[in-house]
Protein backbone atom coordinates (compact mmCIF):
# COMPACT_ATOMS: atom_id res chain seq x y z
CA UNK A 1 5.07 2.58 46.26
CA UNK A 2 7.36 4.65 44.07
CA UNK A 3 6.06 8.13 43.46
CA UNK A 4 6.65 10.38 40.48
CA UNK A 5 7.00 9.14 36.97
CA UNK A 6 5.18 10.46 33.91
CA UNK A 7 1.63 9.44 34.70
CA UNK A 8 2.09 5.85 33.48
CA UNK A 9 2.19 3.00 35.97
CA UNK A 10 2.72 -0.74 36.03
CA UNK A 11 1.27 -3.07 38.66
CA UNK A 12 3.79 -5.84 39.34
CA UNK A 13 3.08 -9.43 40.40
CA UNK A 14 3.08 -8.41 44.06
CA UNK A 15 0.38 -5.81 43.38
CA UNK A 16 2.72 -2.86 43.80
CA UNK A 17 2.25 0.25 41.70
CA UNK A 18 5.48 1.00 39.85
CA UNK A 19 5.93 4.35 38.14
CA UNK A 20 7.26 4.12 34.59
CA UNK A 21 9.53 6.82 33.25
CA UNK A 22 10.14 8.07 29.74
CA UNK A 23 13.43 6.69 28.44
CA UNK A 24 15.20 7.61 25.21
CA UNK A 25 15.81 4.91 22.63
CA UNK A 26 19.36 3.58 22.61
CA UNK A 27 19.65 4.44 18.92
CA UNK A 28 17.48 5.63 16.05
CA UNK A 29 17.71 2.15 14.54
CA UNK A 30 15.91 0.67 17.57
CA UNK A 31 12.78 2.70 16.77
CA UNK A 32 13.17 1.91 13.06
CA UNK A 33 13.27 -1.82 13.85
CA UNK A 34 10.19 -1.55 16.05
CA UNK A 35 8.21 0.17 13.28
CA UNK A 36 9.26 -2.37 10.67
CA UNK A 37 8.17 -5.24 12.92
CA UNK A 38 5.11 -3.54 14.43
CA UNK A 39 3.55 -1.06 11.95
CA UNK A 40 0.60 -0.64 14.32
CA UNK A 41 2.86 1.72 16.29
CA UNK A 42 1.89 4.29 13.64
CA UNK A 43 -1.45 4.44 15.47
CA UNK A 44 -3.79 4.08 12.50
CA UNK A 45 -6.82 4.31 14.76
CA UNK A 46 -5.83 7.83 15.78
CA UNK A 47 -5.27 8.88 12.16
CA UNK A 48 -8.73 7.87 10.93
CA UNK A 49 -10.92 6.71 13.83
CA UNK A 50 -13.82 5.77 11.54
CA UNK A 51 -11.61 3.49 9.43
CA UNK A 52 -8.37 2.68 11.30
CA UNK A 53 -5.35 2.34 9.06
CA UNK A 54 -3.47 -0.96 8.79
CA UNK A 55 -0.10 -1.32 7.09
CA UNK A 56 2.30 -3.69 5.41
CA UNK A 57 5.96 -2.89 4.91
CA UNK A 58 7.10 -2.51 1.31
CA UNK A 59 10.77 -1.91 2.12
CA UNK A 60 13.15 -0.34 4.58
CA UNK A 61 15.84 2.03 3.32
CA UNK A 62 13.94 2.35 0.05
CA UNK A 63 15.74 4.21 -2.72
CA UNK A 64 14.14 7.25 -4.35
CA UNK A 65 15.33 8.30 -7.84
CA UNK A 66 15.35 11.88 -9.08
CA UNK A 67 14.76 11.05 -12.74
CA UNK A 68 13.19 8.37 -14.94
CA UNK A 69 15.23 5.18 -14.78
CA UNK A 70 17.60 6.71 -12.23
CA UNK A 71 19.07 4.91 -9.26
CA UNK A 72 18.14 5.91 -5.72
CA UNK A 73 19.44 9.38 -4.92
CA UNK A 74 17.87 9.35 -1.45
CA UNK A 75 16.95 6.59 0.99
CA UNK A 76 13.57 6.60 2.75
CA UNK A 77 13.53 4.95 6.19
CA UNK A 78 10.30 2.99 5.56
CA UNK A 79 7.71 2.68 2.83
CA UNK A 80 4.40 1.14 3.93
CA UNK A 81 1.07 0.66 2.15
CA UNK A 82 -2.28 0.74 3.92
CA UNK A 83 -5.42 -1.27 3.12
CA UNK A 84 -6.50 1.31 0.52
CA UNK A 85 -3.17 1.11 -1.29
CA UNK A 86 -2.05 4.53 -0.03
CA UNK A 87 1.76 4.75 0.03
CA UNK A 88 2.92 5.83 3.47
CA UNK A 89 6.39 7.37 3.62
CA UNK A 90 7.96 7.25 7.08
CA UNK A 91 11.06 9.08 8.32
CA UNK A 92 12.37 8.31 11.81
CA UNK A 93 14.42 10.68 13.93
CA UNK A 94 15.31 10.87 17.61
CA UNK A 95 14.50 14.11 19.39
CA UNK A 96 18.22 14.56 20.05
CA UNK A 97 18.80 14.91 16.30
CA UNK A 98 18.77 18.63 15.49
CA UNK A 99 17.57 17.88 11.93
CA UNK A 100 14.12 16.93 13.25
CA UNK A 101 13.11 20.55 13.56
CA UNK A 102 13.18 21.82 9.98
CA UNK A 103 15.59 19.95 7.74
CA UNK A 104 13.57 16.73 7.95
CA UNK A 105 10.51 18.50 6.48
CA UNK A 106 12.33 19.56 3.32
CA UNK A 107 13.86 16.11 3.12
CA UNK A 108 10.45 14.43 3.26
CA UNK A 109 8.99 16.76 0.62
CA UNK A 110 11.89 15.88 -1.68
CA UNK A 111 11.17 12.19 -1.12
CA UNK A 112 7.45 12.59 -1.78
CA UNK A 113 7.79 14.76 -4.89
CA UNK A 114 10.30 12.44 -6.54
CA UNK A 115 8.74 9.19 -5.34
CA UNK A 116 5.36 10.15 -6.80
CA UNK A 117 7.00 11.05 -10.08
CA UNK A 118 9.67 8.39 -10.57
CA UNK A 119 8.80 5.27 -8.55
CA UNK A 120 7.86 2.48 -11.00
CA UNK A 121 4.84 0.67 -9.54
CA UNK A 122 6.31 -2.63 -10.69
CA UNK A 123 9.37 -1.99 -8.51
CA UNK A 124 7.17 -1.36 -5.49
CA UNK A 125 5.44 -4.71 -5.96
CA UNK A 126 8.74 -6.56 -6.44
CA UNK A 127 10.22 -5.01 -3.28
CA UNK A 128 7.07 -5.77 -1.32
CA UNK A 129 7.14 -9.42 -2.35
CA UNK A 130 10.82 -9.67 -1.50
CA UNK A 131 10.29 -8.08 1.93
CA UNK A 132 7.43 -10.42 2.79
CA UNK A 133 9.29 -13.54 1.67
CA UNK A 134 12.35 -12.49 3.68
CA UNK A 135 10.04 -12.38 6.70
CA UNK A 136 8.78 -15.89 5.91
CA UNK A 137 5.37 -14.67 4.77
CA UNK A 138 3.39 -15.26 1.59
CA UNK A 139 2.82 -11.90 -0.20
CA UNK A 140 -0.61 -12.89 -1.48
CA UNK A 141 -1.81 -14.00 1.95
CA UNK A 142 -0.57 -10.78 3.53
CA UNK A 143 -2.43 -8.64 0.96
CA UNK A 144 -5.60 -10.68 1.51
CA UNK A 145 -5.32 -10.14 5.28
CA UNK A 146 -4.58 -6.43 4.89
CA UNK A 147 -7.60 -5.86 2.63
CA UNK A 148 -9.88 -8.34 4.36
CA UNK A 149 -10.62 -9.83 0.95
CA UNK A 150 -9.01 -13.04 -0.26
CA UNK A 151 -10.01 -12.19 -3.83
CA UNK A 152 -7.66 -9.18 -4.04
CA UNK A 153 -4.44 -10.15 -5.82
CA UNK A 154 -1.04 -8.59 -5.28
CA UNK A 155 -1.14 -7.28 -8.86
CA UNK A 156 -4.56 -5.71 -8.41
CA UNK A 157 -3.56 -4.14 -5.11
CA UNK A 158 -0.41 -2.58 -6.53
CA UNK A 159 -2.35 -1.27 -9.51
CA UNK A 160 -4.32 0.69 -6.90
CA UNK A 161 -1.03 1.80 -5.28
CA UNK A 162 0.14 3.05 -8.69
CA UNK A 163 -3.11 4.99 -9.16
CA UNK A 164 -2.71 6.60 -5.73
CA UNK A 165 0.85 7.61 -6.58
CA UNK A 166 -0.28 9.07 -9.91
CA UNK A 167 -2.92 11.22 -8.23
CA UNK A 168 -0.69 12.25 -5.30
CA UNK A 169 -2.73 10.35 -2.74
CA UNK A 170 0.11 9.62 -0.33
CA UNK A 171 0.81 9.94 3.37
CA UNK A 172 4.00 11.45 4.84
CA UNK A 173 4.72 10.55 8.46
CA UNK A 174 7.45 11.83 10.76
CA UNK A 175 8.17 9.51 13.69
CA UNK A 176 10.20 10.38 16.78
CA UNK A 177 10.37 9.72 20.50
CA UNK A 178 9.39 13.36 21.02
CA UNK A 179 7.81 15.63 18.38
CA UNK A 180 9.10 19.20 18.88
CA UNK A 181 6.52 21.99 18.95
CA UNK A 182 7.89 23.65 15.81
CA UNK A 183 7.70 20.39 13.81
CA UNK A 184 4.17 19.83 15.09
CA UNK A 185 3.19 23.33 13.95
CA UNK A 186 4.64 22.73 10.46
CA UNK A 187 2.93 19.34 10.15
CA UNK A 188 -0.46 20.78 11.14
CA UNK A 189 -0.10 23.59 8.61
CA UNK A 190 0.95 21.25 5.76
CA UNK A 191 -1.81 18.77 6.54
CA UNK A 192 -4.45 21.48 6.35
CA UNK A 193 -3.15 22.69 2.98
CA UNK A 194 -2.45 19.40 1.17
CA UNK A 195 -5.15 17.43 -0.59
CA UNK A 196 -5.27 14.53 -1.37
CA UNK A 197 -1.86 14.12 0.30
CA UNK A 198 -1.58 13.88 4.07
CA UNK A 199 1.18 14.93 6.50
CA UNK A 200 1.31 13.63 10.07
CA UNK A 201 3.72 13.20 12.95
CA UNK A 202 3.73 10.27 15.36
CA UNK A 203 5.39 10.52 18.73
CA UNK A 204 6.28 7.08 20.11
CA UNK A 205 7.42 7.44 23.71
CA UNK A 206 9.18 4.56 25.43
CA UNK A 207 8.47 3.93 29.11
CA UNK A 208 10.66 1.76 31.34
CA UNK A 209 10.53 0.92 35.05
CA UNK A 210 13.19 -0.41 37.36
CA UNK A 211 12.73 -4.12 37.96
CA UNK A 212 10.19 -4.44 35.15
CA UNK A 213 11.67 -6.37 32.20
CA UNK A 214 9.19 -5.17 29.62
CA UNK A 215 8.72 -1.80 27.96
CA UNK A 216 5.63 0.23 27.18
CA UNK A 217 5.31 2.19 23.93
CA UNK A 218 2.73 4.95 23.66
CA UNK A 219 2.11 6.48 20.20
CA UNK A 220 0.37 9.83 19.76
CA UNK A 221 -0.55 11.28 16.35
CA UNK A 222 -0.19 15.00 15.61
CA UNK A 223 -1.51 16.89 12.61
CA UNK A 224 -5.18 15.88 12.74
CA UNK A 225 -6.53 19.40 13.22
CA UNK A 226 -10.20 20.17 12.70
CA UNK A 227 -9.40 21.80 9.36
CA UNK A 228 -7.34 18.82 8.22
CA UNK A 229 -10.05 16.37 9.27
CA UNK A 230 -12.63 18.37 7.33
CA UNK A 231 -10.77 18.04 4.05
CA UNK A 232 -12.85 16.37 1.39
CA UNK A 233 -12.12 12.67 1.38
CA UNK A 234 -10.72 11.33 -1.85
CA UNK A 235 -13.44 9.34 -3.55
CA UNK A 236 -12.87 6.18 -5.50
CA UNK A 237 -13.09 6.88 -9.20
CA UNK A 238 -16.48 6.54 -10.85
CA UNK A 239 -16.10 3.69 -13.35
CA UNK A 240 -18.33 5.48 -15.84
CA UNK A 241 -15.96 8.40 -15.73
CA UNK A 242 -12.96 6.06 -15.96
CA UNK A 243 -14.48 4.44 -19.02
CA UNK A 244 -15.25 7.75 -20.66
CA UNK A 245 -11.69 8.99 -20.11
CA UNK A 246 -9.98 5.75 -21.14
CA UNK A 247 -8.20 5.41 -24.48
CA UNK A 248 -9.88 3.82 -27.50
CA UNK A 249 -8.35 0.38 -27.00
CA UNK A 250 -9.52 0.18 -23.38
CA UNK A 251 -13.08 1.29 -24.24
CA UNK A 252 -13.26 -1.20 -27.10
CA UNK A 253 -11.96 -4.00 -24.90
CA UNK A 254 -14.45 -3.06 -22.19
CA UNK A 255 -17.29 -3.34 -24.74
CA UNK A 256 -16.01 -6.72 -25.97
CA UNK A 257 -15.79 -8.06 -22.42
CA UNK A 258 -19.34 -6.93 -21.65
CA UNK A 259 -20.74 -8.64 -24.74
CA UNK A 260 -18.75 -11.79 -23.98
CA UNK A 261 -20.00 -11.99 -20.36
CA UNK A 262 -23.59 -11.55 -21.54
CA UNK A 263 -23.20 -14.49 -23.91
CA UNK A 264 -21.58 -16.61 -21.22
CA UNK A 265 -24.06 -15.68 -18.51
CA UNK A 266 -21.34 -14.54 -16.14
CA UNK A 267 -20.65 -11.20 -14.48
CA UNK A 268 -18.34 -8.23 -14.60
CA UNK A 269 -17.69 -6.85 -11.12
CA UNK A 270 -16.50 -3.32 -10.40
CA UNK A 271 -13.27 -2.95 -8.45
CA UNK A 272 -11.38 0.10 -7.14
CA UNK A 273 -8.89 0.00 -10.00
CA UNK A 274 -10.97 -1.49 -12.81
CA UNK A 275 -13.34 -4.37 -13.51
CA UNK A 276 -13.15 -8.08 -12.71
CA UNK A 277 -14.26 -10.95 -14.93
CA UNK A 278 -15.97 -13.63 -12.83
CA UNK A 279 -16.60 -17.28 -13.63
CA UNK A 280 -19.87 -19.10 -12.99
CA UNK A 281 -18.49 -20.13 -9.58
CA UNK A 282 -17.53 -16.50 -8.82
CA UNK A 283 -13.86 -17.28 -9.32
CA UNK A 284 -12.16 -14.18 -10.68
CA UNK A 285 -10.43 -15.18 -13.90
CA UNK A 286 -9.27 -11.80 -15.24
CA UNK A 287 -9.20 -8.04 -14.57
CA UNK A 288 -9.21 -5.06 -16.89
CA UNK A 289 -7.04 -2.23 -15.52
CA UNK A 290 -7.96 0.94 -17.45
CA UNK A 291 -5.16 3.07 -15.98
CA UNK A 292 -2.52 0.49 -16.93
CA UNK A 293 -4.32 -0.38 -20.20
CA UNK A 294 -3.97 -4.14 -19.67
CA UNK A 295 -6.12 -7.24 -19.32
CA UNK A 296 -4.67 -9.40 -16.56
CA UNK A 297 -5.32 -13.18 -16.44
CA UNK A 298 -5.37 -14.92 -13.05
CA UNK A 299 -3.47 -18.12 -13.78
CA UNK A 300 -1.84 -18.58 -10.39
CA UNK A 301 -5.17 -19.13 -8.58
CA UNK A 302 -5.97 -21.75 -11.23
CA UNK A 303 -2.77 -23.60 -10.36
CA UNK A 304 -3.56 -23.43 -6.64
CA UNK A 305 -6.92 -25.04 -7.35
CA UNK A 306 -5.29 -27.96 -9.15
CA UNK A 307 -5.62 -26.72 -12.74
CA UNK A 308 -1.91 -26.63 -13.55
CA UNK A 309 -2.26 -27.97 -17.09
CA UNK A 310 -5.00 -25.44 -17.93
CA UNK A 311 -2.92 -22.55 -16.61
CA UNK A 312 0.14 -23.69 -18.55
CA UNK A 313 -1.87 -24.11 -21.74
CA UNK A 314 -3.49 -20.68 -21.43
CA UNK A 315 -0.12 -19.05 -20.85
CA UNK A 316 1.26 -20.65 -24.00
CA UNK A 317 -1.79 -19.42 -25.90
CA UNK A 318 -1.29 -15.87 -24.62
CA UNK A 319 2.39 -15.52 -25.48
CA UNK A 320 1.96 -15.31 -29.29
CA UNK A 321 -0.62 -12.53 -28.87
CA UNK A 322 1.90 -9.87 -27.79
CA UNK A 323 5.55 -8.93 -27.95
CA UNK A 324 5.44 -8.05 -24.25
CA UNK A 325 7.12 -10.46 -21.81
CA UNK A 326 4.43 -12.19 -19.74
CA UNK A 327 4.71 -13.44 -16.17
CA UNK A 328 3.49 -16.96 -15.48
CA UNK A 329 1.33 -16.07 -12.46
CA UNK A 330 -0.69 -13.06 -13.68
CA UNK A 331 0.15 -12.38 -17.35
CA UNK A 332 -1.07 -8.96 -18.49
CA UNK A 333 -1.99 -8.44 -22.12
CA UNK A 334 -1.87 -4.84 -23.43
CA UNK A 335 -5.37 -3.62 -24.32
CA UNK A 336 -4.38 -2.94 -27.94
CA UNK A 337 -3.10 -6.49 -28.39
CA UNK A 338 -6.20 -7.92 -26.72
CA UNK A 339 -8.47 -6.01 -29.10
CA UNK A 340 -6.42 -6.95 -32.19
CA UNK A 341 -6.48 -10.64 -31.22
CA UNK A 342 -9.88 -10.72 -29.58
CA UNK A 343 -10.94 -14.04 -31.09
CA UNK A 344 -7.94 -15.71 -29.45
CA UNK A 345 -8.51 -13.87 -26.17
CA UNK A 346 -12.16 -14.92 -26.18
CA UNK A 347 -11.16 -18.56 -26.63
CA UNK A 348 -8.84 -18.36 -23.63
CA UNK A 349 -11.54 -16.71 -21.51
CA UNK A 350 -14.00 -19.41 -22.59
CA UNK A 351 -11.66 -22.06 -21.21
CA UNK A 352 -11.04 -20.25 -17.92
CA UNK A 353 -14.63 -19.29 -17.19
CA UNK A 354 -15.79 -22.92 -17.13
CA UNK A 355 -13.47 -23.87 -14.25
């Protein structure tokens, strides 16, 4: 039996107890690659034990502009989103990097302040879809798995991401093989002060043992002090309040949709970022997003259910109703255009709701 080690042991095939020792990562990029492939290393269960966080990668080396329409001035190591659409900014440093002590904090605050202000939500969705396809995964399926709800569309999910960005509901995470005491102290202080934003540090130690081909990774989250945990949780917006604060076009469109669903005998369903229009078979055919001031039509699910000609026909009927360019999968009609051409919109909804 080998003695010593760091309190972590491996029992080999012969039943021998082998002490595992902390080993530095060969390079910072090794830890970056591990996080991109295995986001669970961020230890979401330690962050919020009552509702463990799960993540999907939006992009690595994601550019952050410092003005509207600007190109990326900085590059964030990773941008993830969790199941509640909370953007999670991750910076990775090795403990041997002297910048991990103070410089990285100012760097992250720069990233957060400018990302919240200048990241176009549409760009986030496009990068997410590109990242997932590069990994051989279907973006819609990954969002459904993340949320545990196959009805949530990519567009609806990223509307929630955009709302979180707008309100500053983000998470900043420092990741390293060892979190220095002074960084831990700063993180705990910031996390107690910030609301609804969150600041955490994750130490991901790597353990190796001689003769053992595998490696063991042990993440530990810092920053969850009692004061930070006691911060008031951000509540989902009350739809009555959202409606009251919406602009005139959105409120009018909301009223028109309610009257239309009553005539059709179908339902409007509340959602975190707006309301959903359901068909008689509970298929979601459209969503009203008050914050984005659009009515989104779910044509792609129609195609997947074999209604290609209906989806194509509805798209052609929508295009003359607005000067805005419409996507073929989930075309979004501005609320003002939908109100002005309500008779045409109602006809399209009539066709979709009977599927």
